Amino acid sequence: MSDSLEKIYNDLYGHSMHLMKEHNLPVEAIAGSLMAIAMRLYRTQLSDEDFNKLKEMILDTNVEPYVKKVLH
């Protein structure tokens, strides 16, 4: 991962943890908001075809969960 991508990821992850811990916001609300922002950014930048390909890729990709104790 490039340095700039790693910084963005770490900043957003850190802010998400802050919202959960300091403001007692539910993980579902934070994750849903991040997904909505991401989809809107993608939709703004990509063609219809590329956006639809991305949605399919997202649906078909498995991800590993964080260790639960980190999020709560």
C-alpha atoms as a PDB file:
ATOM      1  CA  MET A   1       0.000   0.000   0.000  1.00  0.00           C
ATOM      2  CA  SER A   2       1.375   3.408  -0.888  1.00  0.00           C
ATOM      3  CA  ASP A   3       2.175   5.857   1.886  1.00  0.00           C
ATOM      4  CA  SER A   4      -0.698   8.168   0.944  1.00  0.00           C
ATOM      5  CA  LEU A   5      -3.236   5.312   0.850  1.00  0.00           C
ATOM      6  CA  GLU A   6      -1.959   3.993   4.154  1.00  0.00           C
ATOM      7  CA  LYS A   7      -2.305   7.462   5.712  1.00  0.00           C
ATOM      8  CA  ILE A   8      -5.879   7.829   4.445  1.00  0.00           C
ATOM      9  CA  TYR A   9      -6.783   4.346   5.703  1.00  0.00           C
ATOM     10  CA  ASN A  10      -5.195   4.904   9.118  1.00  0.00           C
ATOM     11  CA  ASP A  11      -6.797   8.349   9.512  1.00  0.00           C
ATOM     12  CA  LEU A  12     -10.281   7.048   8.673  1.00  0.00           C
ATOM     13  CA  TYR A  13      -9.828   3.959  10.833  1.00  0.00           C
ATOM     14  CA  GLY A  14      -8.628   6.077  13.756  1.00  0.00           C
ATOM     15  CA  HIS A  15     -11.517   8.509  13.399  1.00  0.00           C
ATOM     16  CA  SER A  16     -13.975   5.604  13.206  1.00  0.00           C
ATOM     17  CA  MET A  17     -12.562   4.143  16.435  1.00  0.00           C
ATOM     18  CA  HIS A  18     -12.814   7.587  18.049  1.00  0.00           C
ATOM     19  CA  LEU A  19     -16.489   7.879  17.061  1.00  0.00           C
ATOM     20  CA  MET A  20     -17.250   4.466  18.559  1.00  0.00           C
ATOM     21  CA  LYS A  21     -15.278   4.920  21.779  1.00  0.00           C
ATOM     22  CA  GLU A  22     -15.667   8.617  22.591  1.00  0.00           C
ATOM     23  CA  HIS A  23     -19.142   9.230  21.179  1.00  0.00           C
ATOM     24  CA  ASN A  24     -20.553   5.735  21.727  1.00  0.00           C
ATOM     25  CA  LEU A  25     -21.781   5.468  18.134  1.00  0.00           C
ATOM     26  CA  PRO A  26     -22.698   1.991  16.847  1.00  0.00           C
ATOM     27  CA  VAL A  27     -20.277   0.303  14.460  1.00  0.00           C
ATOM     28  CA  GLU A  28     -23.125  -0.265  11.984  1.00  0.00           C
ATOM     29  CA  ALA A  29     -23.804   3.472  11.728  1.00  0.00           C
ATOM     30  CA  ILE A  30     -20.147   4.289  11.155  1.00  0.00           C
ATOM     31  CA  ALA A  31     -19.564   1.474   8.649  1.00  0.00           C
ATOM     32  CA  GLY A  32     -22.758   2.320   6.785  1.00  0.00           C
ATOM     33  CA  SER A  33     -21.792   5.980   6.583  1.00  0.00           C
ATOM     34  CA  LEU A  34     -18.334   5.120   5.257  1.00  0.00           C
ATOM     35  CA  MET A  35     -19.870   2.798   2.657  1.00  0.00           C
ATOM     36  CA  ALA A  36     -22.374   5.447   1.581  1.00  0.00           C
ATOM     37  CA  ILE A  37     -19.607   8.031   1.188  1.00  0.00           C
ATOM     38  CA  ALA A  38     -17.450   5.575  -0.759  1.00  0.00           C
ATOM     39  CA  MET A  39     -20.263   4.598  -3.105  1.00  0.00           C
ATOM     40  CA  ARG A  40     -21.143   8.213  -3.759  1.00  0.00           C
ATOM     41  CA  LEU A  41     -17.497   9.048  -4.526  1.00  0.00           C
ATOM     42  CA  TYR A  42     -17.224   6.060  -6.864  1.00  0.00           C
ATOM     43  CA  ARG A  43     -20.531   6.952  -8.537  1.00  0.00           C
ATOM     44  CA  THR A  44     -19.298  10.485  -9.141  1.00  0.00           C
ATOM     45  CA  GLN A  45     -16.002   9.375 -10.707  1.00  0.00           C
ATOM     46  CA  LEU A  46     -16.797   6.155 -12.606  1.00  0.00           C
ATOM     47  CA  SER A  47     -18.725   5.413 -15.746  1.00  0.00           C
ATOM     48  CA  ASP A  48     -21.947   3.419 -15.367  1.00  0.00           C
ATOM     49  CA  GLU A  49     -20.158   0.308 -16.623  1.00  0.00           C
ATOM     50  CA  ASP A  50     -17.212   0.653 -14.244  1.00  0.00           C
ATOM     51  CA  PHE A  51     -19.462   1.485 -11.306  1.00  0.00           C
ATOM     52  CA  ASN A  52     -21.533  -1.651 -11.939  1.00  0.00           C
ATOM     53  CA  LYS A  53     -18.354  -3.759 -12.232  1.00  0.00           C
ATOM     54  CA  LEU A  54     -17.156  -2.341  -8.922  1.00  0.00           C
ATOM     55  CA  LYS A  55     -20.457  -3.176  -7.191  1.00  0.00           C
ATOM     56  CA  GLU A  56     -20.202  -6.776  -8.416  1.00  0.00           C
ATOM     57  CA  MET A  57     -16.598  -7.009  -7.247  1.00  0.00           C
ATOM     58  CA  ILE A  58     -17.559  -5.676  -3.809  1.00  0.00           C
ATOM     59  CA  LEU A  59     -20.381  -8.217  -3.481  1.00  0.00           C
ATOM     60  CA  ASP A  60     -18.132 -11.103  -4.524  1.00  0.00           C
ATOM     61  CA  THR A  61     -15.122 -10.243  -2.337  1.00  0.00           C
ATOM     62  CA  ASN A  62     -14.651 -11.860   1.068  1.00  0.00           C
ATOM     63  CA  VAL A  63     -12.917  -9.827   3.761  1.00  0.00           C
ATOM     64  CA  GLU A  64     -11.469 -10.842   7.099  1.00  0.00           C
ATOM     65  CA  PRO A  65     -13.106  -9.240  10.139  1.00  0.00           C
ATOM     66  CA  TYR A  66     -11.185  -7.219  12.666  1.00  0.00           C
ATOM     67  CA  VAL A  67     -10.694  -8.895  16.015  1.00  0.00           C
ATOM     68  CA  LYS A  68     -13.976  -8.083  17.796  1.00  0.00           C
ATOM     69  CA  LYS A  69     -12.333  -6.757  20.952  1.00  0.00           C
ATOM     70  CA  VAL A  70     -10.699  -4.007  18.858  1.00  0.00           C
ATOM     71  CA  LEU A  71     -14.068  -2.599  17.822  1.00  0.00           C
ATOM     72  CA  HIS A  72     -15.836  -2.712  21.152  1.00  0.00           C
END
